[in-house]
Each structure stands twice: as C-alpha cells, then as structure tokens.
Amino acid sequence: MRRDAKAMAEGVKEGMSRDKKTININKASREDLLTLPDISEHEADRIIAERPYDNTEDLVRRHVVPREEYDKISDRIIAGH
C-alpha cells in the first residue's frame, strides 16, 4: 500500500509539472511573473525594470533574484526576444 501511495504522489507531481506554463521574462506581464514560485511583487518589478535579458541566468548575474529563487523557477522561464 505504501508503494502505491508513493507512486500516486509521484504521478500527481509529474502531472503538475507538465501543466506549468513557460514564461518569457523579456515579455511577461507583472501578473504572469507573480505566478512563478516565490517571486514577490518587488522581484517582478525588478525583472521588468532590468529588461532585456540575453538568457535566464542574467537574473542571477544582475542580482535581480537570488540563486535559490532562480533554481525554483529556472525550468519555467525563457529569455526570448
């Protein structure tokens, strides 16, 4: 029974990650940026103010968001032009 519960939890987690929308940090609205995990209103405003970005790592290099927060959102963002 324990194995079944673990498998079900993994399935739910996998399904939720597939539903994640990719956000373009160069074009996203403030509201879209706020849907990212742990992104505050202040950070969303800074992301917008520091545009454009050549790549998503610029968020960390330019000290817009800390590495720990970047790691939580890196699979959900792109830096397209």
PDB file of N, CA and C in Angstrom:
ATOM      1  N   MET A   1       0.814  -1.181   0.000  1.00  0.00           N
ATOM      2  CA  MET A   1       0.000   0.000   0.000  1.00  0.00           C
ATOM      3  C   MET A   1       0.869   1.262   0.000  1.00  0.00           C
ATOM      4  N   ARG A   2       1.951   1.236   0.756  1.00  0.00           N
ATOM      5  CA  ARG A   2       2.847   2.381   0.815  1.00  0.00           C
ATOM      6  C   ARG A   2       3.424   2.692  -0.562  1.00  0.00           C
ATOM      7  N   ARG A   3       3.802   1.646  -1.279  1.00  0.00           N
ATOM      8  CA  ARG A   3       4.371   1.803  -2.612  1.00  0.00           C
ATOM      9  C   ARG A   3       3.357   2.448  -3.556  1.00  0.00           C
ATOM     10  N   ASP A   4       2.086   2.050  -3.450  1.00  0.00           N
ATOM     11  CA  ASP A   4       1.036   2.627  -4.292  1.00  0.00           C
ATOM     12  C   ASP A   4       0.846   4.110  -3.998  1.00  0.00           C
ATOM     13  N   ALA A   5       0.876   4.471  -2.732  1.00  0.00           N
ATOM     14  CA  ALA A   5       0.713   5.882  -2.353  1.00  0.00           C
ATOM     15  C   ALA A   5       1.869   6.710  -2.888  1.00  0.00           C
ATOM     16  N   LYS A   6       3.073   6.169  -2.796  1.00  0.00           N
ATOM     17  CA  LYS A   6       4.249   6.888  -3.300  1.00  0.00           C
ATOM     18  C   LYS A   6       4.161   7.051  -4.817  1.00  0.00           C
ATOM     19  N   ALA A   7       3.759   6.020  -5.515  1.00  0.00           N
ATOM     20  CA  ALA A   7       3.615   6.084  -6.969  1.00  0.00           C
ATOM     21  C   ALA A   7       2.555   7.102  -7.366  1.00  0.00           C
ATOM     22  N   MET A   8       1.467   7.142  -6.612  1.00  0.00           N
ATOM     23  CA  MET A   8       0.404   8.096  -6.908  1.00  0.00           C
ATOM     24  C   MET A   8       0.901   9.530  -6.672  1.00  0.00           C
ATOM     25  N   ALA A   9       1.627   9.752  -5.608  1.00  0.00           N
ATOM     26  CA  ALA A   9       2.162  11.082  -5.315  1.00  0.00           C
ATOM     27  C   ALA A   9       3.132  11.521  -6.415  1.00  0.00           C
ATOM     28  N   GLU A  10       3.973  10.611  -6.870  1.00  0.00           N
ATOM     29  CA  GLU A  10       4.900  10.931  -7.955  1.00  0.00           C
ATOM     30  C   GLU A  10       4.135  11.270  -9.242  1.00  0.00           C
ATOM     31  N   GLY A  11       3.064  10.559  -9.500  1.00  0.00           N
ATOM     32  CA  GLY A  11       2.248  10.824 -10.688  1.00  0.00           C
ATOM     33  C   GLY A  11       1.603  12.195 -10.640  1.00  0.00           C
ATOM     34  N   VAL A  12       1.102  12.557  -9.475  1.00  0.00           N
ATOM     35  CA  VAL A  12       0.498  13.879  -9.307  1.00  0.00           C
ATOM     36  C   VAL A  12       1.550  14.956  -9.499  1.00  0.00           C
ATOM     37  N   LYS A  13       2.713  14.763  -8.897  1.00  0.00           N
ATOM     38  CA  LYS A  13       3.806  15.729  -9.019  1.00  0.00           C
ATOM     39  C   LYS A  13       4.221  15.886 -10.481  1.00  0.00           C
ATOM     40  N   GLU A  14       4.354  14.799 -11.196  1.00  0.00           N
ATOM     41  CA  GLU A  14       4.735  14.832 -12.607  1.00  0.00           C
ATOM     42  C   GLU A  14       3.672  15.535 -13.438  1.00  0.00           C
ATOM     43  N   GLY A  15       2.420  15.255 -13.165  1.00  0.00           N
ATOM     44  CA  GLY A  15       1.323  15.896 -13.888  1.00  0.00           C
ATOM     45  C   GLY A  15       1.297  17.392 -13.659  1.00  0.00           C
ATOM     46  N   MET A  16       1.559  17.817 -12.434  1.00  0.00           N
ATOM     47  CA  MET A  16       1.566  19.243 -12.127  1.00  0.00           C
ATOM     48  C   MET A  16       2.711  19.937 -12.849  1.00  0.00           C
ATOM     49  N   SER A  17       3.864  19.292 -12.947  1.00  0.00           N
ATOM     50  CA  SER A  17       4.998  19.928 -13.609  1.00  0.00           C
ATOM     51  C   SER A  17       4.751  20.060 -15.111  1.00  0.00           C
ATOM     52  N   ARG A  18       3.979  19.167 -15.683  1.00  0.00           N
ATOM     53  CA  ARG A  18       3.659  19.272 -17.109  1.00  0.00           C
ATOM     54  C   ARG A  18       2.721  20.436 -17.385  1.00  0.00           C
ATOM     55  N   ASP A  19       1.899  20.793 -16.412  1.00  0.00           N
ATOM     56  CA  ASP A  19       0.935  21.874 -16.578  1.00  0.00           C
ATOM     57  C   ASP A  19       1.567  23.252 -16.437  1.00  0.00           C
ATOM     58  N   LYS A  20       2.822  23.304 -16.045  1.00  0.00           N
ATOM     59  CA  LYS A  20       3.484  24.587 -15.839  1.00  0.00           C
ATOM     60  C   LYS A  20       3.646  25.314 -17.162  1.00  0.00           C
ATOM     61  N   LYS A  21       3.324  26.572 -17.136  1.00  0.00           N
ATOM     62  CA  LYS A  21       3.442  27.417 -18.306  1.00  0.00           C
ATOM     63  C   LYS A  21       4.839  28.027 -18.325  1.00  0.00           C
ATOM     64  N   THR A  22       5.474  28.063 -19.489  1.00  0.00           N
ATOM     65  CA  THR A  22       6.765  28.708 -19.622  1.00  0.00           C
ATOM     66  C   THR A  22       6.549  30.199 -19.820  1.00  0.00           C
ATOM     67  N   ILE A  23       7.289  30.988 -19.075  1.00  0.00           N
ATOM     68  CA  ILE A  23       7.133  32.438 -19.100  1.00  0.00           C
ATOM     69  C   ILE A  23       8.384  33.076 -19.687  1.00  0.00           C
ATOM     70  N   ASN A  24       8.174  33.973 -20.641  1.00  0.00           N
ATOM     71  CA  ASN A  24       9.269  34.714 -21.257  1.00  0.00           C
ATOM     72  C   ASN A  24       9.544  35.940 -20.386  1.00  0.00           C
ATOM     73  N   ILE A  25      10.700  35.969 -19.730  1.00  0.00           N
ATOM     74  CA  ILE A  25      10.996  37.055 -18.795  1.00  0.00           C
ATOM     75  C   ILE A  25      11.203  38.399 -19.498  1.00  0.00           C
ATOM     76  N   ASN A  26      11.389  38.378 -20.805  1.00  0.00           N
ATOM     77  CA  ASN A  26      11.531  39.630 -21.548  1.00  0.00           C
ATOM     78  C   ASN A  26      10.196  40.240 -21.957  1.00  0.00           C
ATOM     79  N   LYS A  27       9.125  39.461 -21.894  1.00  0.00           N
ATOM     80  CA  LYS A  27       7.826  39.939 -22.376  1.00  0.00           C
ATOM     81  C   LYS A  27       6.685  39.768 -21.386  1.00  0.00           C
ATOM     82  N   ALA A  28       6.886  38.996 -20.352  1.00  0.00           N
ATOM     83  CA  ALA A  28       5.803  38.661 -19.418  1.00  0.00           C
ATOM     84  C   ALA A  28       5.297  39.885 -18.670  1.00  0.00           C
ATOM     85  N   SER A  29       4.002  39.864 -18.386  1.00  0.00           N
ATOM     86  CA  SER A  29       3.409  40.921 -17.568  1.00  0.00           C
ATOM     87  C   SER A  29       3.794  40.691 -16.110  1.00  0.00           C
ATOM     88  N   ARG A  30       3.584  41.697 -15.318  1.00  0.00           N
ATOM     89  CA  ARG A  30       3.844  41.595 -13.876  1.00  0.00           C
ATOM     90  C   ARG A  30       3.014  40.451 -13.287  1.00  0.00           C
ATOM     91  N   GLU A  31       1.758  40.357 -13.719  1.00  0.00           N
ATOM     92  CA  GLU A  31       0.877  39.313 -13.208  1.00  0.00           C
ATOM     93  C   GLU A  31       1.394  37.922 -13.558  1.00  0.00           C
ATOM     94  N   ASP A  32       1.910  37.757 -14.781  1.00  0.00           N
ATOM     95  CA  ASP A  32       2.477  36.465 -15.171  1.00  0.00           C
ATOM     96  C   ASP A  32       3.699  36.130 -14.319  1.00  0.00           C
ATOM     97  N   LEU A  33       4.552  37.112 -14.094  1.00  0.00           N
ATOM     98  CA  LEU A  33       5.759  36.877 -13.287  1.00  0.00           C
ATOM     99  C   LEU A  33       5.391  36.486 -11.860  1.00  0.00           C
ATOM    100  N   LEU A  34       4.309  37.039 -11.347  1.00  0.00           N
ATOM    101  CA  LEU A  34       3.883  36.729  -9.980  1.00  0.00           C
ATOM    102  C   LEU A  34       3.351  35.305  -9.838  1.00  0.00           C
ATOM    103  N   THR A  35       3.091  34.620 -10.949  1.00  0.00           N
ATOM    104  CA  THR A  35       2.657  33.223 -10.873  1.00  0.00           C
ATOM    105  C   THR A  35       3.830  32.279 -10.638  1.00  0.00           C
ATOM    106  N   LEU A  36       5.049  32.777 -10.780  1.00  0.00           N
ATOM    107  CA  LEU A  36       6.234  31.952 -10.541  1.00  0.00           C
ATOM    108  C   LEU A  36       6.417  31.736  -9.044  1.00  0.00           C
ATOM    109  N   PRO A  37       6.890  30.548  -8.648  1.00  0.00           N
ATOM    110  CA  PRO A  37       7.057  30.252  -7.218  1.00  0.00           C
ATOM    111  C   PRO A  37       7.999  31.247  -6.524  1.00  0.00           C
ATOM    112  N   ASP A  38       7.559  31.775  -5.405  1.00  0.00           N
ATOM    113  CA  ASP A  38       8.365  32.634  -4.531  1.00  0.00           C
ATOM    114  C   ASP A  38       8.809  33.959  -5.142  1.00  0.00           C
ATOM    115  N   ILE A  39       8.221  34.387  -6.240  1.00  0.00           N
ATOM    116  CA  ILE A  39       8.557  35.689  -6.809  1.00  0.00           C
ATOM    117  C   ILE A  39       7.635  36.734  -6.175  1.00  0.00           C
ATOM    118  N   SER A  40       8.248  37.712  -5.533  1.00  0.00           N
ATOM    119  CA  SER A  40       7.480  38.759  -4.860  1.00  0.00           C
ATOM    120  C   SER A  40       7.124  39.871  -5.852  1.00  0.00           C
ATOM    121  N   GLU A  41       6.283  40.779  -5.433  1.00  0.00           N
ATOM    122  CA  GLU A  41       5.934  41.916  -6.271  1.00  0.00           C
ATOM    123  C   GLU A  41       7.174  42.752  -6.575  1.00  0.00           C
ATOM    124  N   HIS A  42       8.022  42.933  -5.578  1.00  0.00           N
ATOM    125  CA  HIS A  42       9.266  43.689  -5.764  1.00  0.00           C
ATOM    126  C   HIS A  42      10.155  43.023  -6.817  1.00  0.00           C
ATOM    127  N   GLU A  43      10.299  41.700  -6.731  1.00  0.00           N
ATOM    128  CA  GLU A  43      11.137  40.986  -7.696  1.00  0.00           C
ATOM    129  C   GLU A  43      10.529  41.026  -9.097  1.00  0.00           C
ATOM    130  N   ALA A  44       9.229  40.908  -9.197  1.00  0.00           N
ATOM    131  CA  ALA A  44       8.566  41.001 -10.505  1.00  0.00           C
ATOM    132  C   ALA A  44       8.841  42.376 -11.126  1.00  0.00           C
ATOM    133  N   ASP A  45       8.744  43.419 -10.314  1.00  0.00           N
ATOM    134  CA  ASP A  45       9.029  44.769 -10.806  1.00  0.00           C
ATOM    135  C   ASP A  45      10.485  44.914 -11.238  1.00  0.00           C
ATOM    136  N   ARG A  46      11.401  44.308 -10.496  1.00  0.00           N
ATOM    137  CA  ARG A  46      12.829  44.375 -10.855  1.00  0.00           C
ATOM    138  C   ARG A  46      13.109  43.602 -12.146  1.00  0.00           C
ATOM    139  N   ILE A  47      12.459  42.456 -12.315  1.00  0.00           N
ATOM    140  CA  ILE A  47      12.636  41.683 -13.551  1.00  0.00           C
ATOM    141  C   ILE A  47      12.239  42.547 -14.737  1.00  0.00           C
ATOM    142  N   ILE A  48      11.117  43.229 -14.617  1.00  0.00           N
ATOM    143  CA  ILE A  48      10.638  44.087 -15.701  1.00  0.00           C
ATOM    144  C   ILE A  48      11.598  45.267 -15.916  1.00  0.00           C
ATOM    145  N   ALA A  49      12.049  45.889 -14.838  1.00  0.00           N
ATOM    146  CA  ALA A  49      12.911  47.072 -14.937  1.00  0.00           C
ATOM    147  C   ALA A  49      14.270  46.769 -15.559  1.00  0.00           C
ATOM    148  N   GLU A  50      14.769  45.553 -15.374  1.00  0.00           N
ATOM    149  CA  GLU A  50      16.107  45.202 -15.862  1.00  0.00           C
ATOM    150  C   GLU A  50      16.117  44.606 -17.278  1.00  0.00           C
ATOM    151  N   ARG A  51      14.986  44.556 -17.933  1.00  0.00           N
ATOM    152  CA  ARG A  51      14.929  44.006 -19.288  1.00  0.00           C
ATOM    153  C   ARG A  51      15.764  44.824 -20.248  1.00  0.00           C
ATOM    154  N   PRO A  52      16.242  44.232 -21.331  1.00  0.00           N
ATOM    155  CA  PRO A  52      16.107  42.834 -21.764  1.00  0.00           C
ATOM    156  C   PRO A  52      17.204  41.947 -21.186  1.00  0.00           C
ATOM    157  N   TYR A  53      16.933  40.650 -21.237  1.00  0.00           N
ATOM    158  CA  TYR A  53      17.868  39.630 -20.778  1.00  0.00           C
ATOM    159  C   TYR A  53      18.319  38.806 -21.977  1.00  0.00           C
ATOM    160  N   ASP A  54      19.606  38.494 -22.012  1.00  0.00           N
ATOM    161  CA  ASP A  54      20.121  37.618 -23.071  1.00  0.00           C
ATOM    162  C   ASP A  54      19.783  36.166 -22.786  1.00  0.00           C
ATOM    163  N   ASN A  55      19.781  35.804 -21.511  1.00  0.00           N
ATOM    164  CA  ASN A  55      19.397  34.453 -21.095  1.00  0.00           C
ATOM    165  C   ASN A  55      18.883  34.512 -19.663  1.00  0.00           C
ATOM    166  N   THR A  56      18.304  33.435 -19.207  1.00  0.00           N
ATOM    167  CA  THR A  56      17.669  33.446 -17.890  1.00  0.00           C
ATOM    168  C   THR A  56      18.669  33.598 -16.753  1.00  0.00           C
ATOM    169  N   GLU A  57      19.907  33.135 -16.948  1.00  0.00           N
ATOM    170  CA  GLU A  57      20.941  33.265 -15.911  1.00  0.00           C
ATOM    171  C   GLU A  57      21.237  34.728 -15.594  1.00  0.00           C
ATOM    172  N   ASP A  58      20.881  35.645 -16.496  1.00  0.00           N
ATOM    173  CA  ASP A  58      21.074  37.073 -16.232  1.00  0.00           C
ATOM    174  C   ASP A  58      20.349  37.512 -14.967  1.00  0.00           C
ATOM    175  N   LEU A  59      19.271  36.844 -14.615  1.00  0.00           N
ATOM    176  CA  LEU A  59      18.542  37.192 -13.397  1.00  0.00           C
ATOM    177  C   LEU A  59      19.446  37.091 -12.164  1.00  0.00           C
ATOM    178  N   VAL A  60      20.304  36.084 -12.143  1.00  0.00           N
ATOM    179  CA  VAL A  60      21.224  35.894 -11.022  1.00  0.00           C
ATOM    180  C   VAL A  60      22.441  36.798 -11.187  1.00  0.00           C
ATOM    181  N   ARG A  61      23.001  36.834 -12.389  1.00  0.00           N
ATOM    182  CA  ARG A  61      24.200  37.645 -12.638  1.00  0.00           C
ATOM    183  C   ARG A  61      23.986  39.119 -12.319  1.00  0.00           C
ATOM    184  N   ARG A  62      22.797  39.603 -12.609  1.00  0.00           N
ATOM    185  CA  ARG A  62      22.482  41.014 -12.361  1.00  0.00           C
ATOM    186  C   ARG A  62      21.878  41.248 -10.978  1.00  0.00           C
ATOM    187  N   HIS A  63      21.833  40.212 -10.172  1.00  0.00           N
ATOM    188  CA  HIS A  63      21.317  40.283  -8.800  1.00  0.00           C
ATOM    189  C   HIS A  63      19.856  40.724  -8.743  1.00  0.00           C
ATOM    190  N   VAL A  64      19.079  40.265  -9.732  1.00  0.00           N
ATOM    191  CA  VAL A  64      17.641  40.551  -9.748  1.00  0.00           C
ATOM    192  C   VAL A  64      16.920  39.592  -8.805  1.00  0.00           C
ATOM    193  N   VAL A  65      17.294  38.322  -8.852  1.00  0.00           N
ATOM    194  CA  VAL A  65      16.767  37.324  -7.912  1.00  0.00           C
ATOM    195  C   VAL A  65      17.939  36.499  -7.380  1.00  0.00           C
ATOM    196  N   PRO A  66      17.844  36.037  -6.141  1.00  0.00           N
ATOM    197  CA  PRO A  66      18.903  35.182  -5.585  1.00  0.00           C
ATOM    198  C   PRO A  66      18.926  33.812  -6.272  1.00  0.00           C
ATOM    199  N   ARG A  67      20.062  33.172  -6.232  1.00  0.00           N
ATOM    200  CA  ARG A  67      20.257  31.849  -6.853  1.00  0.00           C
ATOM    201  C   ARG A  67      19.189  30.859  -6.374  1.00  0.00           C
ATOM    202  N   GLU A  68      18.881  30.855  -5.086  1.00  0.00           N
ATOM    203  CA  GLU A  68      17.908  29.894  -4.544  1.00  0.00           C
ATOM    204  C   GLU A  68      16.544  30.054  -5.216  1.00  0.00           C
ATOM    205  N   GLU A  69      16.121  31.281  -5.443  1.00  0.00           N
ATOM    206  CA  GLU A  69      14.837  31.511  -6.105  1.00  0.00           C
ATOM    207  C   GLU A  69      14.932  31.183  -7.591  1.00  0.00           C
ATOM    208  N   TYR A  70      16.042  31.526  -8.202  1.00  0.00           N
ATOM    209  CA  TYR A  70      16.241  31.197  -9.611  1.00  0.00           C
ATOM    210  C   TYR A  70      16.123  29.688  -9.821  1.00  0.00           C
ATOM    211  N   ASP A  71      16.738  28.925  -8.946  1.00  0.00           N
ATOM    212  CA  ASP A  71      16.691  27.462  -9.078  1.00  0.00           C
ATOM    213  C   ASP A  71      15.256  26.937  -9.035  1.00  0.00           C
ATOM    214  N   LYS A  72      14.367  27.619  -8.328  1.00  0.00           N
ATOM    215  CA  LYS A  72      12.967  27.189  -8.238  1.00  0.00           C
ATOM    216  C   LYS A  72      12.169  27.515  -9.497  1.00  0.00           C
ATOM    217  N   ILE A  73      12.609  28.523 -10.263  1.00  0.00           N
ATOM    218  CA  ILE A  73      11.836  28.955 -11.429  1.00  0.00           C
ATOM    219  C   ILE A  73      12.519  28.670 -12.766  1.00  0.00           C
ATOM    220  N   SER A  74      13.769  28.228 -12.733  1.00  0.00           N
ATOM    221  CA  SER A  74      14.559  28.108 -13.971  1.00  0.00           C
ATOM    222  C   SER A  74      13.915  27.205 -15.021  1.00  0.00           C
ATOM    223  N   ASP A  75      13.164  26.192 -14.598  1.00  0.00           N
ATOM    224  CA  ASP A  75      12.529  25.295 -15.560  1.00  0.00           C
ATOM    225  C   ASP A  75      11.230  25.871 -16.117  1.00  0.00           C
ATOM    226  N   ARG A  76      10.827  27.049 -15.637  1.00  0.00           N
ATOM    227  CA  ARG A  76       9.577  27.658 -16.081  1.00  0.00           C
ATOM    228  C   ARG A  76       9.761  28.961 -16.829  1.00  0.00           C
ATOM    229  N   ILE A  77      11.024  29.358 -17.057  1.00  0.00           N
ATOM    230  CA  ILE A  77      11.264  30.652 -17.710  1.00  0.00           C
ATOM    231  C   ILE A  77      12.169  30.502 -18.925  1.00  0.00           C
ATOM    232  N   ILE A  78      11.989  31.434 -19.876  1.00  0.00           N
ATOM    233  CA  ILE A  78      12.880  31.561 -21.021  1.00  0.00           C
ATOM    234  C   ILE A  78      13.183  33.050 -21.179  1.00  0.00           C
ATOM    235  N   ALA A  79      14.169  33.364 -22.015  1.00  0.00           N
ATOM    236  CA  ALA A  79      14.530  34.764 -22.238  1.00  0.00           C
ATOM    237  C   ALA A  79      14.503  35.069 -23.740  1.00  0.00           C
ATOM    238  N   GLY A  80      13.406  34.741 -24.386  1.00  0.00           N
ATOM    239  CA  GLY A  80      13.275  35.016 -25.816  1.00  0.00           C
ATOM    240  C   GLY A  80      13.109  36.496 -26.097  1.00  0.00           C
ATOM    241  N   HIS A  81      13.425  36.885 -27.315  1.00  0.00           N
ATOM    242  CA  HIS A  81      13.300  38.306 -27.686  1.00  0.00           C
ATOM    243  C   HIS A  81      12.135  38.543 -28.580  1.00  0.00           C
TER     244      HIS A  81
END
